[in-house]
Amino acid sequence: MTSSGESSSRRNATMADAEPKQLSPLSIITLQNIKDRPHQKGNRKLPGGTVRYFDNNEPRYGWLLNGWLAEERRVPSGRLYRYYYDPVGRQYRTKTKVLCAWEKMGVIFIHP
């Protein structure tokens, strides 16, 4: 418990819920598309875990296209899982899969 009487898991959930305020408008739409899909794992809460979303405004995910999201899920054991989502909410498990999807779409990607 913190001095405000808030447990750490509740504080973490609040921080994860507040994350979309830092996302671009296109990324917020993508996040809504993810949450609207009932079969997405993104709709499940992790007891003791955290879920955070990032877009290309975050330096480590600057390689993402506008409207694409990176999701970081930290489970109670401390393990970190990363997932990537396109603007319609399709999930990709690795950066390599994202780059392959872009190649199929005809997007040219040059890594700085």
PDB file of N, CA and C in Angstrom:
ATOM      1  N   MET A   1       0.834  -1.180   0.000  1.00  0.00           N
ATOM      2  CA  MET A   1       0.000   0.000   0.000  1.00  0.00           C
ATOM      3  C   MET A   1       0.883   1.249   0.000  1.00  0.00           C
ATOM      4  N   THR A   2       0.434   2.258  -0.699  1.00  0.00           N
ATOM      5  CA  THR A   2       1.138   3.528  -0.687  1.00  0.00           C
ATOM      6  C   THR A   2       0.541   4.412   0.390  1.00  0.00           C
ATOM      7  N   SER A   3       1.143   5.599   0.573  1.00  0.00           N
ATOM      8  CA  SER A   3       0.623   6.511   1.589  1.00  0.00           C
ATOM      9  C   SER A   3      -0.799   6.954   1.261  1.00  0.00           C
ATOM     10  N   SER A   4      -1.178   6.888  -0.007  1.00  0.00           N
ATOM     11  CA  SER A   4      -2.536   7.263  -0.387  1.00  0.00           C
ATOM     12  C   SER A   4      -3.512   6.109  -0.200  1.00  0.00           C
ATOM     13  N   GLY A   5      -2.997   4.949   0.256  1.00  0.00           N
ATOM     14  CA  GLY A   5      -3.863   3.791   0.480  1.00  0.00           C
ATOM     15  C   GLY A   5      -4.107   2.970  -0.772  1.00  0.00           C
ATOM     16  N   GLU A   6      -3.354   3.220  -1.821  1.00  0.00           N
ATOM     17  CA  GLU A   6      -3.541   2.534  -3.090  1.00  0.00           C
ATOM     18  C   GLU A   6      -2.526   1.393  -3.198  1.00  0.00           C
ATOM     19  N   SER A   7      -2.998   0.192  -3.536  1.00  0.00           N
ATOM     20  CA  SER A   7      -2.081  -0.940  -3.667  1.00  0.00           C
ATOM     21  C   SER A   7      -1.259  -0.778  -4.938  1.00  0.00           C
ATOM     22  N   SER A   8      -0.093  -1.448  -4.983  1.00  0.00           N
ATOM     23  CA  SER A   8       0.775  -1.321  -6.150  1.00  0.00           C
ATOM     24  C   SER A   8       0.120  -1.900  -7.393  1.00  0.00           C
ATOM     25  N   SER A   9      -0.623  -3.007  -7.267  1.00  0.00           N
ATOM     26  CA  SER A   9      -1.272  -3.579  -8.449  1.00  0.00           C
ATOM     27  C   SER A   9      -2.348  -2.640  -8.982  1.00  0.00           C
ATOM     28  N   ARG A  10      -3.051  -1.970  -8.081  1.00  0.00           N
ATOM     29  CA  ARG A  10      -4.068  -1.019  -8.528  1.00  0.00           C
ATOM     30  C   ARG A  10      -3.394   0.188  -9.192  1.00  0.00           C
ATOM     31  N   ARG A  11      -2.260   0.643  -8.627  1.00  0.00           N
ATOM     32  CA  ARG A  11      -1.531   1.761  -9.198  1.00  0.00           C
ATOM     33  C   ARG A  11      -1.016   1.381 -10.587  1.00  0.00           C
ATOM     34  N   ASN A  12      -0.489   0.151 -10.748  1.00  0.00           N
ATOM     35  CA  ASN A  12      -0.007  -0.298 -12.050  1.00  0.00           C
ATOM     36  C   ASN A  12      -1.131  -0.355 -13.061  1.00  0.00           C
ATOM     37  N   ALA A  13      -2.293  -0.835 -12.655  1.00  0.00           N
ATOM     38  CA  ALA A  13      -3.436  -0.890 -13.561  1.00  0.00           C
ATOM     39  C   ALA A  13      -3.830   0.513 -13.974  1.00  0.00           C
ATOM     40  N   THR A  14      -3.788   1.457 -13.034  1.00  0.00           N
ATOM     41  CA  THR A  14      -4.123   2.835 -13.349  1.00  0.00           C
ATOM     42  C   THR A  14      -3.119   3.408 -14.340  1.00  0.00           C
ATOM     43  N   MET A  15      -1.836   3.115 -14.143  1.00  0.00           N
ATOM     44  CA  MET A  15      -0.813   3.606 -15.053  1.00  0.00           C
ATOM     45  C   MET A  15      -1.021   3.029 -16.448  1.00  0.00           C
ATOM     46  N   ALA A  16      -1.361   1.766 -16.544  1.00  0.00           N
ATOM     47  CA  ALA A  16      -1.584   1.142 -17.849  1.00  0.00           C
ATOM     48  C   ALA A  16      -2.806   1.737 -18.511  1.00  0.00           C
ATOM     49  N   ASP A  17      -3.853   2.021 -17.726  1.00  0.00           N
ATOM     50  CA  ASP A  17      -5.058   2.605 -18.288  1.00  0.00           C
ATOM     51  C   ASP A  17      -4.813   4.038 -18.746  1.00  0.00           C
ATOM     52  N   ALA A  18      -3.889   4.741 -18.108  1.00  0.00           N
ATOM     53  CA  ALA A  18      -3.610   6.126 -18.451  1.00  0.00           C
ATOM     54  C   ALA A  18      -2.733   6.242 -19.700  1.00  0.00           C
ATOM     55  N   GLU A  19      -2.086   5.166 -20.083  1.00  0.00           N
ATOM     56  CA  GLU A  19      -1.138   5.174 -21.197  1.00  0.00           C
ATOM     57  C   GLU A  19      -1.707   5.762 -22.489  1.00  0.00           C
ATOM     58  N   PRO A  20      -2.970   5.464 -22.900  1.00  0.00           N
ATOM     59  CA  PRO A  20      -3.456   5.964 -24.176  1.00  0.00           C
ATOM     60  C   PRO A  20      -3.420   7.487 -24.301  1.00  0.00           C
ATOM     61  N   LYS A  21      -3.380   8.240 -23.224  1.00  0.00           N
ATOM     62  CA  LYS A  21      -3.319   9.693 -23.295  1.00  0.00           C
ATOM     63  C   LYS A  21      -2.036  10.155 -23.968  1.00  0.00           C
ATOM     64  N   GLN A  22      -0.994   9.332 -23.949  1.00  0.00           N
ATOM     65  CA  GLN A  22       0.287   9.686 -24.540  1.00  0.00           C
ATOM     66  C   GLN A  22       0.399   9.212 -25.984  1.00  0.00           C
ATOM     67  N   LEU A  23      -0.563   8.473 -26.464  1.00  0.00           N
ATOM     68  CA  LEU A  23      -0.528   7.921 -27.811  1.00  0.00           C
ATOM     69  C   LEU A  23      -1.061   8.938 -28.814  1.00  0.00           C
ATOM     70  N   SER A  24      -0.641   8.790 -30.073  1.00  0.00           N
ATOM     71  CA  SER A  24      -1.153   9.640 -31.145  1.00  0.00           C
ATOM     72  C   SER A  24      -2.612   9.274 -31.425  1.00  0.00           C
ATOM     73  N   PRO A  25      -3.358  10.162 -32.062  1.00  0.00           N
ATOM     74  CA  PRO A  25      -4.767   9.862 -32.368  1.00  0.00           C
ATOM     75  C   PRO A  25      -4.956   8.567 -33.167  1.00  0.00           C
ATOM     76  N   LEU A  26      -4.069   8.303 -34.151  1.00  0.00           N
ATOM     77  CA  LEU A  26      -4.180   7.058 -34.923  1.00  0.00           C
ATOM     78  C   LEU A  26      -3.939   5.837 -34.044  1.00  0.00           C
ATOM     79  N   SER A  27      -3.006   5.944 -33.118  1.00  0.00           N
ATOM     80  CA  SER A  27      -2.707   4.830 -32.226  1.00  0.00           C
ATOM     81  C   SER A  27      -3.855   4.577 -31.253  1.00  0.00           C
ATOM     82  N   ILE A  28      -4.539   5.626 -30.841  1.00  0.00           N
ATOM     83  CA  ILE A  28      -5.691   5.461 -29.955  1.00  0.00           C
ATOM     84  C   ILE A  28      -6.798   4.696 -30.678  1.00  0.00           C
ATOM     85  N   ILE A  29      -6.981   4.974 -31.956  1.00  0.00           N
ATOM     86  CA  ILE A  29      -7.973   4.231 -32.756  1.00  0.00           C
ATOM     87  C   ILE A  29      -7.567   2.762 -32.847  1.00  0.00           C
ATOM     88  N   THR A  30      -6.277   2.497 -33.073  1.00  0.00           N
ATOM     89  CA  THR A  30      -5.785   1.117 -33.116  1.00  0.00           C
ATOM     90  C   THR A  30      -6.037   0.419 -31.791  1.00  0.00           C
ATOM     91  N   LEU A  31      -5.755   1.105 -30.687  1.00  0.00           N
ATOM     92  CA  LEU A  31      -5.976   0.521 -29.365  1.00  0.00           C
ATOM     93  C   LEU A  31      -7.446   0.173 -29.171  1.00  0.00           C
ATOM     94  N   GLN A  32      -8.336   1.041 -29.637  1.00  0.00           N
ATOM     95  CA  GLN A  32      -9.771   0.755 -29.529  1.00  0.00           C
ATOM     96  C   GLN A  32     -10.136  -0.468 -30.384  1.00  0.00           C
ATOM     97  N   ASN A  33      -9.536  -0.573 -31.573  1.00  0.00           N
ATOM     98  CA  ASN A  33      -9.776  -1.745 -32.428  1.00  0.00           C
ATOM     99  C   ASN A  33      -9.328  -3.028 -31.737  1.00  0.00           C
ATOM    100  N   ILE A  34      -8.207  -2.969 -31.027  1.00  0.00           N
ATOM    101  CA  ILE A  34      -7.705  -4.136 -30.301  1.00  0.00           C
ATOM    102  C   ILE A  34      -8.683  -4.523 -29.200  1.00  0.00           C
ATOM    103  N   LYS A  35      -9.116  -3.538 -28.441  1.00  0.00           N
ATOM    104  CA  LYS A  35      -9.999  -3.813 -27.309  1.00  0.00           C
ATOM    105  C   LYS A  35     -11.396  -4.241 -27.751  1.00  0.00           C
ATOM    106  N   ASP A  36     -11.806  -3.861 -28.961  1.00  0.00           N
ATOM    107  CA  ASP A  36     -13.125  -4.240 -29.475  1.00  0.00           C
ATOM    108  C   ASP A  36     -13.180  -5.682 -29.964  1.00  0.00           C
ATOM    109  N   ARG A  37     -12.036  -6.309 -30.160  1.00  0.00           N
ATOM    110  CA  ARG A  37     -12.009  -7.688 -30.648  1.00  0.00           C
ATOM    111  C   ARG A  37     -12.128  -8.632 -29.456  1.00  0.00           C
ATOM    112  N   PRO A  38     -13.258  -9.330 -29.336  1.00  0.00           N
ATOM    113  CA  PRO A  38     -13.486 -10.160 -28.151  1.00  0.00           C
ATOM    114  C   PRO A  38     -12.495 -11.303 -27.984  1.00  0.00           C
ATOM    115  N   HIS A  39     -11.924 -11.802 -29.051  1.00  0.00           N
ATOM    116  CA  HIS A  39     -11.014 -12.949 -28.950  1.00  0.00           C
ATOM    117  C   HIS A  39      -9.572 -12.536 -28.681  1.00  0.00           C
ATOM    118  N   GLN A  40      -9.278 -11.229 -28.655  1.00  0.00           N
ATOM    119  CA  GLN A  40      -7.914 -10.782 -28.403  1.00  0.00           C
ATOM    120  C   GLN A  40      -7.520 -11.025 -26.959  1.00  0.00           C
ATOM    121  N   LYS A  41      -6.309 -11.472 -26.748  1.00  0.00           N
ATOM    122  CA  LYS A  41      -5.787 -11.649 -25.400  1.00  0.00           C
ATOM    123  C   LYS A  41      -5.662 -10.301 -24.694  1.00  0.00           C
ATOM    124  N   GLY A  42      -5.599  -9.230 -25.460  1.00  0.00           N
ATOM    125  CA  GLY A  42      -5.459  -7.899 -24.895  1.00  0.00           C
ATOM    126  C   GLY A  42      -6.634  -7.509 -24.012  1.00  0.00           C
ATOM    127  N   ASN A  43      -7.728  -8.256 -24.111  1.00  0.00           N
ATOM    128  CA  ASN A  43      -8.895  -7.933 -23.300  1.00  0.00           C
ATOM    129  C   ASN A  43      -8.861  -8.613 -21.940  1.00  0.00           C
ATOM    130  N   ARG A  44      -7.879  -9.477 -21.704  1.00  0.00           N
ATOM    131  CA  ARG A  44      -7.781 -10.162 -20.414  1.00  0.00           C
ATOM    132  C   ARG A  44      -6.895  -9.377 -19.464  1.00  0.00           C
ATOM    133  N   LYS A  45      -7.312  -9.318 -18.229  1.00  0.00           N
ATOM    134  CA  LYS A  45      -6.490  -8.667 -17.208  1.00  0.00           C
ATOM    135  C   LYS A  45      -5.525  -9.705 -16.635  1.00  0.00           C
ATOM    136  N   LEU A  46      -4.333  -9.256 -16.301  1.00  0.00           N
ATOM    137  CA  LEU A  46      -3.334 -10.137 -15.707  1.00  0.00           C
ATOM    138  C   LEU A  46      -3.234  -9.831 -14.219  1.00  0.00           C
ATOM    139  N   PRO A  47      -3.689 -10.734 -13.351  1.00  0.00           N
ATOM    140  CA  PRO A  47      -3.538 -10.459 -11.923  1.00  0.00           C
ATOM    141  C   PRO A  47      -2.052 -10.333 -11.579  1.00  0.00           C
ATOM    142  N   GLY A  48      -1.671  -9.201 -11.041  1.00  0.00           N
ATOM    143  CA  GLY A  48      -0.273  -8.993 -10.677  1.00  0.00           C
ATOM    144  C   GLY A  48       0.618  -8.621 -11.843  1.00  0.00           C
ATOM    145  N   GLY A  49       0.084  -8.567 -13.051  1.00  0.00           N
ATOM    146  CA  GLY A  49       0.871  -8.209 -14.226  1.00  0.00           C
ATOM    147  C   GLY A  49       0.514  -6.819 -14.711  1.00  0.00           C
ATOM    148  N   THR A  50       1.271  -6.348 -15.681  1.00  0.00           N
ATOM    149  CA  THR A  50       0.991  -5.034 -16.258  1.00  0.00           C
ATOM    150  C   THR A  50       0.942  -5.132 -17.770  1.00  0.00           C
ATOM    151  N   VAL A  51       0.170  -4.252 -18.374  1.00  0.00           N
ATOM    152  CA  VAL A  51       0.090  -4.150 -19.827  1.00  0.00           C
ATOM    153  C   VAL A  51       0.281  -2.682 -20.173  1.00  0.00           C
ATOM    154  N   ARG A  52       1.231  -2.411 -21.074  1.00  0.00           N
ATOM    155  CA  ARG A  52       1.488  -1.040 -21.500  1.00  0.00           C
ATOM    156  C   ARG A  52       1.534  -0.992 -23.020  1.00  0.00           C
ATOM    157  N   TYR A  53       1.080   0.127 -23.586  1.00  0.00           N
ATOM    158  CA  TYR A  53       1.043   0.312 -25.032  1.00  0.00           C
ATOM    159  C   TYR A  53       1.939   1.474 -25.424  1.00  0.00           C
ATOM    160  N   PHE A  54       2.616   1.309 -26.572  1.00  0.00           N
ATOM    161  CA  PHE A  54       3.516   2.332 -27.085  1.00  0.00           C
ATOM    162  C   PHE A  54       3.298   2.471 -28.582  1.00  0.00           C
ATOM    163  N   ASP A  55       3.550   3.660 -29.095  1.00  0.00           N
ATOM    164  CA  ASP A  55       3.529   3.856 -30.542  1.00  0.00           C
ATOM    165  C   ASP A  55       4.875   4.434 -30.975  1.00  0.00           C
ATOM    166  N   ASN A  56       4.944   4.968 -32.188  1.00  0.00           N
ATOM    167  CA  ASN A  56       6.234   5.441 -32.699  1.00  0.00           C
ATOM    168  C   ASN A  56       6.708   6.743 -32.045  1.00  0.00           C
ATOM    169  N   ASN A  57       5.955   7.279 -31.095  1.00  0.00           N
ATOM    170  CA  ASN A  57       6.422   8.435 -30.323  1.00  0.00           C
ATOM    171  C   ASN A  57       7.413   8.018 -29.236  1.00  0.00           C
ATOM    172  N   GLU A  58       7.418   6.745 -28.893  1.00  0.00           N
ATOM    173  CA  GLU A  58       8.366   6.200 -27.915  1.00  0.00           C
ATOM    174  C   GLU A  58       9.666   5.877 -28.664  1.00  0.00           C
ATOM    175  N   PRO A  59      10.807   6.401 -28.230  1.00  0.00           N
ATOM    176  CA  PRO A  59      12.053   6.202 -28.983  1.00  0.00           C
ATOM    177  C   PRO A  59      12.372   4.755 -29.349  1.00  0.00           C
ATOM    178  N   ARG A  60      12.157   3.800 -28.442  1.00  0.00           N
ATOM    179  CA  ARG A  60      12.519   2.414 -28.781  1.00  0.00           C
ATOM    180  C   ARG A  60      11.573   1.787 -29.798  1.00  0.00           C
ATOM    181  N   TYR A  61      10.420   2.417 -30.035  1.00  0.00           N
ATOM    182  CA  TYR A  61       9.488   1.928 -31.048  1.00  0.00           C
ATOM    183  C   TYR A  61       9.319   2.936 -32.176  1.00  0.00           C
ATOM    184  N   GLY A  62      10.298   3.794 -32.354  1.00  0.00           N
ATOM    185  CA  GLY A  62      10.250   4.799 -33.410  1.00  0.00           C
ATOM    186  C   GLY A  62      10.197   4.197 -34.804  1.00  0.00           C
ATOM    187  N   TRP A  63      10.542   2.928 -34.932  1.00  0.00           N
ATOM    188  CA  TRP A  63      10.523   2.256 -36.227  1.00  0.00           C
ATOM    189  C   TRP A  63       9.100   1.890 -36.670  1.00  0.00           C
ATOM    190  N   LEU A  64       8.127   1.938 -35.759  1.00  0.00           N
ATOM    191  CA  LEU A  64       6.745   1.588 -36.116  1.00  0.00           C
ATOM    192  C   LEU A  64       6.127   2.643 -37.030  1.00  0.00           C
ATOM    193  N   LEU A  65       5.256   2.216 -37.911  1.00  0.00           N
ATOM    194  CA  LEU A  65       4.501   3.149 -38.748  1.00  0.00           C
ATOM    195  C   LEU A  65       3.404   3.802 -37.918  1.00  0.00           C
ATOM    196  N   ASN A  66       2.910   4.946 -38.397  1.00  0.00           N
ATOM    197  CA  ASN A  66       1.804   5.612 -37.716  1.00  0.00           C
ATOM    198  C   ASN A  66       0.608   4.670 -37.609  1.00  0.00           C
ATOM    199  N   GLY A  67      -0.004   4.636 -36.436  1.00  0.00           N
ATOM    200  CA  GLY A  67      -1.175   3.797 -36.224  1.00  0.00           C
ATOM    201  C   GLY A  67      -0.852   2.394 -35.735  1.00  0.00           C
ATOM    202  N   TRP A  68       0.408   1.993 -35.765  1.00  0.00           N
ATOM    203  CA  TRP A  68       0.816   0.690 -35.251  1.00  0.00           C
ATOM    204  C   TRP A  68       1.159   0.819 -33.776  1.00  0.00           C
ATOM    205  N   LEU A  69       0.901  -0.237 -33.023  1.00  0.00           N
ATOM    206  CA  LEU A  69       1.158  -0.231 -31.587  1.00  0.00           C
ATOM    207  C   LEU A  69       2.068  -1.373 -31.177  1.00  0.00           C
ATOM    208  N   ALA A  70       2.836  -1.142 -30.134  1.00  0.00           N
ATOM    209  CA  ALA A  70       3.593  -2.195 -29.455  1.00  0.00           C
ATOM    210  C   ALA A  70       2.952  -2.362 -28.085  1.00  0.00           C
ATOM    211  N   GLU A  71       2.736  -3.605 -27.690  1.00  0.00           N
ATOM    212  CA  GLU A  71       2.174  -3.908 -26.378  1.00  0.00           C
ATOM    213  C   GLU A  71       3.237  -4.644 -25.580  1.00  0.00           C
ATOM    214  N   GLU A  72       3.466  -4.206 -24.360  1.00  0.00           N
ATOM    215  CA  GLU A  72       4.386  -4.904 -23.463  1.00  0.00           C
ATOM    216  C   GLU A  72       3.575  -5.460 -22.305  1.00  0.00           C
ATOM    217  N   ARG A  73       3.629  -6.774 -22.149  1.00  0.00           N
ATOM    218  CA  ARG A  73       2.942  -7.445 -21.045  1.00  0.00           C
ATOM    219  C   ARG A  73       3.981  -8.037 -20.118  1.00  0.00           C
ATOM    220  N   ARG A  74       3.995  -7.582 -18.893  1.00  0.00           N
ATOM    221  CA  ARG A  74       4.896  -8.151 -17.888  1.00  0.00           C
ATOM    222  C   ARG A  74       4.055  -9.009 -16.965  1.00  0.00           C
ATOM    223  N   VAL A  75       4.393 -10.293 -16.894  1.00  0.00           N
ATOM    224  CA  VAL A  75       3.653 -11.243 -16.059  1.00  0.00           C
ATOM    225  C   VAL A  75       4.266 -11.270 -14.665  1.00  0.00           C
ATOM    226  N   PRO A  76       3.550 -11.804 -13.680  1.00  0.00           N
ATOM    227  CA  PRO A  76       4.046 -11.787 -12.297  1.00  0.00           C
ATOM    228  C   PRO A  76       5.458 -12.365 -12.119  1.00  0.00           C
ATOM    229  N   SER A  77       5.849 -13.298 -12.957  1.00  0.00           N
ATOM    230  CA  SER A  77       7.194 -13.872 -12.835  1.00  0.00           C
ATOM    231  C   SER A  77       8.274 -12.890 -13.271  1.00  0.00           C
ATOM    232  N   GLY A  78       7.879 -11.800 -13.916  1.00  0.00           N
ATOM    233  CA  GLY A  78       8.830 -10.806 -14.390  1.00  0.00           C
ATOM    234  C   GLY A  78       9.095 -10.894 -15.884  1.00  0.00           C
ATOM    235  N   ARG A  79       8.653 -11.967 -16.521  1.00  0.00           N
ATOM    236  CA  ARG A  79       8.866 -12.159 -17.960  1.00  0.00           C
ATOM    237  C   ARG A  79       8.117 -11.093 -18.742  1.00  0.00           C
ATOM    238  N   LEU A  80       8.749 -10.573 -19.790  1.00  0.00           N
ATOM    239  CA  LEU A  80       8.153  -9.549 -20.633  1.00  0.00           C
ATOM    240  C   LEU A  80       7.793 -10.144 -21.986  1.00  0.00           C
ATOM    241  N   TYR A  81       6.549  -9.950 -22.380  1.00  0.00           N
ATOM    242  CA  TYR A  81       6.081 -10.371 -23.697  1.00  0.00           C
ATOM    243  C   TYR A  81       5.786  -9.124 -24.501  1.00  0.00           C
ATOM    244  N   ARG A  82       6.202  -9.114 -25.780  1.00  0.00           N
ATOM    245  CA  ARG A  82       5.916  -7.985 -26.666  1.00  0.00           C
ATOM    246  C   ARG A  82       5.056  -8.471 -27.825  1.00  0.00           C
ATOM    247  N   TYR A  83       4.056  -7.674 -28.130  1.00  0.00           N
ATOM    248  CA  TYR A  83       3.190  -7.934 -29.273  1.00  0.00           C
ATOM    249  C   TYR A  83       3.051  -6.631 -30.042  1.00  0.00           C
ATOM    250  N   TYR A  84       2.817  -6.743 -31.332  1.00  0.00           N
ATOM    251  CA  TYR A  84       2.650  -5.577 -32.192  1.00  0.00           C
ATOM    252  C   TYR A  84       1.300  -5.694 -32.878  1.00  0.00           C
ATOM    253  N   TYR A  85       0.649  -4.547 -33.106  1.00  0.00           N
ATOM    254  CA  TYR A  85      -0.678  -4.517 -33.711  1.00  0.00           C
ATOM    255  C   TYR A  85      -0.713  -3.525 -34.852  1.00  0.00           C
ATOM    256  N   ASP A  86      -1.362  -3.941 -35.959  1.00  0.00           N
ATOM    257  CA  ASP A  86      -1.562  -3.024 -37.074  1.00  0.00           C
ATOM    258  C   ASP A  86      -2.830  -2.201 -36.809  1.00  0.00           C
ATOM    259  N   PRO A  87      -3.125  -1.216 -37.654  1.00  0.00           N
ATOM    260  CA  PRO A  87      -4.267  -0.338 -37.393  1.00  0.00           C
ATOM    261  C   PRO A  87      -5.635  -1.027 -37.317  1.00  0.00           C
ATOM    262  N   VAL A  88      -5.785  -2.213 -37.900  1.00  0.00           N
ATOM    263  CA  VAL A  88      -7.077  -2.909 -37.793  1.00  0.00           C
ATOM    264  C   VAL A  88      -7.110  -3.866 -36.607  1.00  0.00           C
ATOM    265  N   GLY A  89      -5.990  -3.998 -35.888  1.00  0.00           N
ATOM    266  CA  GLY A  89      -5.968  -4.804 -34.677  1.00  0.00           C
ATOM    267  C   GLY A  89      -5.379  -6.191 -34.819  1.00  0.00           C
ATOM    268  N   ARG A  90      -4.792  -6.510 -35.990  1.00  0.00           N
ATOM    269  CA  ARG A  90      -4.134  -7.818 -36.142  1.00  0.00           C
ATOM    270  C   ARG A  90      -2.865  -7.850 -35.314  1.00  0.00           C
ATOM    271  N   GLN A  91      -2.626  -8.972 -34.677  1.00  0.00           N
ATOM    272  CA  GLN A  91      -1.487  -9.123 -33.784  1.00  0.00           C
ATOM    273  C   GLN A  91      -0.313  -9.778 -34.503  1.00  0.00           C
ATOM    274  N   TYR A  92       0.884  -9.264 -34.222  1.00  0.00           N
ATOM    275  CA  TYR A  92       2.136  -9.835 -34.711  1.00  0.00           C
ATOM    276  C   TYR A  92       3.017 -10.071 -33.496  1.00  0.00           C
ATOM    277  N   ARG A  93       3.669 -11.223 -33.459  1.00  0.00           N
ATOM    278  CA  ARG A  93       4.423 -11.585 -32.262  1.00  0.00           C
ATOM    279  C   ARG A  93       5.873 -11.113 -32.260  1.00  0.00           C
ATOM    280  N   THR A  94       6.405 -10.749 -33.414  1.00  0.00           N
ATOM    281  CA  THR A  94       7.800 -10.310 -33.468  1.00  0.00           C
ATOM    282  C   THR A  94       7.954  -9.126 -34.420  1.00  0.00           C
ATOM    283  N   LYS A  95       9.056  -8.405 -34.258  1.00  0.00           N
ATOM    284  CA  LYS A  95       9.368  -7.299 -35.167  1.00  0.00           C
ATOM    285  C   LYS A  95       9.573  -7.833 -36.580  1.00  0.00           C
ATOM    286  N   THR A  96      10.170  -9.018 -36.674  1.00  0.00           N
ATOM    287  CA  THR A  96      10.392  -9.630 -37.985  1.00  0.00           C
ATOM    288  C   THR A  96       9.072  -9.869 -38.707  1.00  0.00           C
ATOM    289  N   LYS A  97       8.057 -10.343 -37.980  1.00  0.00           N
ATOM    290  CA  LYS A  97       6.730 -10.569 -38.589  1.00  0.00           C
ATOM    291  C   LYS A  97       6.116  -9.249 -39.054  1.00  0.00           C
ATOM    292  N   VAL A  98       6.329  -8.189 -38.287  1.00  0.00           N
ATOM    293  CA  VAL A  98       5.820  -6.864 -38.675  1.00  0.00           C
ATOM    294  C   VAL A  98       6.487  -6.426 -39.973  1.00  0.00           C
ATOM    295  N   LEU A  99       7.806  -6.561 -40.042  1.00  0.00           N
ATOM    296  CA  LEU A  99       8.530  -6.157 -41.242  1.00  0.00           C
ATOM    297  C   LEU A  99       8.118  -6.987 -42.453  1.00  0.00           C
ATOM    298  N   CYS A 100       7.844  -8.276 -42.253  1.00  0.00           N
ATOM    299  CA  CYS A 100       7.363  -9.132 -43.342  1.00  0.00           C
ATOM    300  C   CYS A 100       5.992  -8.677 -43.819  1.00  0.00           C
ATOM    301  N   ALA A 101       5.129  -8.301 -42.880  1.00  0.00           N
ATOM    302  CA  ALA A 101       3.792  -7.811 -43.240  1.00  0.00           C
ATOM    303  C   ALA A 101       3.918  -6.521 -44.046  1.00  0.00           C
ATOM    304  N   TRP A 102       4.833  -5.638 -43.644  1.00  0.00           N
ATOM    305  CA  TRP A 102       5.031  -4.394 -44.380  1.00  0.00           C
ATOM    306  C   TRP A 102       5.542  -4.679 -45.785  1.00  0.00           C
ATOM    307  N   GLU A 103       6.433  -5.673 -45.900  1.00  0.00           N
ATOM    308  CA  GLU A 103       6.968  -6.030 -47.213  1.00  0.00           C
ATOM    309  C   GLU A 103       5.846  -6.527 -48.130  1.00  0.00           C
ATOM    310  N   LYS A 104       4.939  -7.327 -47.584  1.00  0.00           N
ATOM    311  CA  LYS A 104       3.804  -7.826 -48.368  1.00  0.00           C
ATOM    312  C   LYS A 104       2.879  -6.689 -48.795  1.00  0.00           C
ATOM    313  N   MET A 105       2.826  -5.627 -47.971  1.00  0.00           N
ATOM    314  CA  MET A 105       1.990  -4.464 -48.289  1.00  0.00           C
ATOM    315  C   MET A 105       2.683  -3.507 -49.252  1.00  0.00           C
ATOM    316  N   GLY A 106       3.956  -3.762 -49.531  1.00  0.00           N
ATOM    317  CA  GLY A 106       4.701  -2.888 -50.422  1.00  0.00           C
ATOM    318  C   GLY A 106       5.331  -1.690 -49.729  1.00  0.00           C
ATOM    319  N   VAL A 107       5.417  -1.744 -48.399  1.00  0.00           N
ATOM    320  CA  VAL A 107       6.045  -0.663 -47.648  1.00  0.00           C
ATOM    321  C   VAL A 107       7.553  -0.879 -47.663  1.00  0.00           C
ATOM    322  N   ILE A 108       8.301   0.173 -47.945  1.00  0.00           N
ATOM    323  CA  ILE A 108       9.750   0.089 -47.930  1.00  0.00           C
ATOM    324  C   ILE A 108      10.216   0.563 -46.574  1.00  0.00           C
ATOM    325  N   PHE A 109      11.050  -0.239 -45.920  1.00  0.00           N
ATOM    326  CA  PHE A 109      11.536   0.095 -44.591  1.00  0.00           C
ATOM    327  C   PHE A 109      13.051   0.179 -44.648  1.00  0.00           C
ATOM    328  N   ILE A 110      13.591   1.335 -44.266  1.00  0.00           N
ATOM    329  CA  ILE A 110      15.036   1.512 -44.186  1.00  0.00           C
ATOM    330  C   ILE A 110      15.372   1.798 -42.749  1.00  0.00           C
ATOM    331  N   HIS A 111      16.119   0.902 -42.127  1.00  0.00           N
ATOM    332  CA  HIS A 111      16.484   1.075 -40.724  1.00  0.00           C
ATOM    333  C   HIS A 111      17.637   2.069 -40.613  1.00  0.00           C
ATOM    334  N   PRO A 112      17.487   3.091 -39.754  1.00  0.00           N
ATOM    335  CA  PRO A 112      18.553   4.107 -39.637  1.00  0.00           C
ATOM    336  C   PRO A 112      19.837   3.553 -39.044  1.00  0.00           C
TER     337      PRO A 112
END
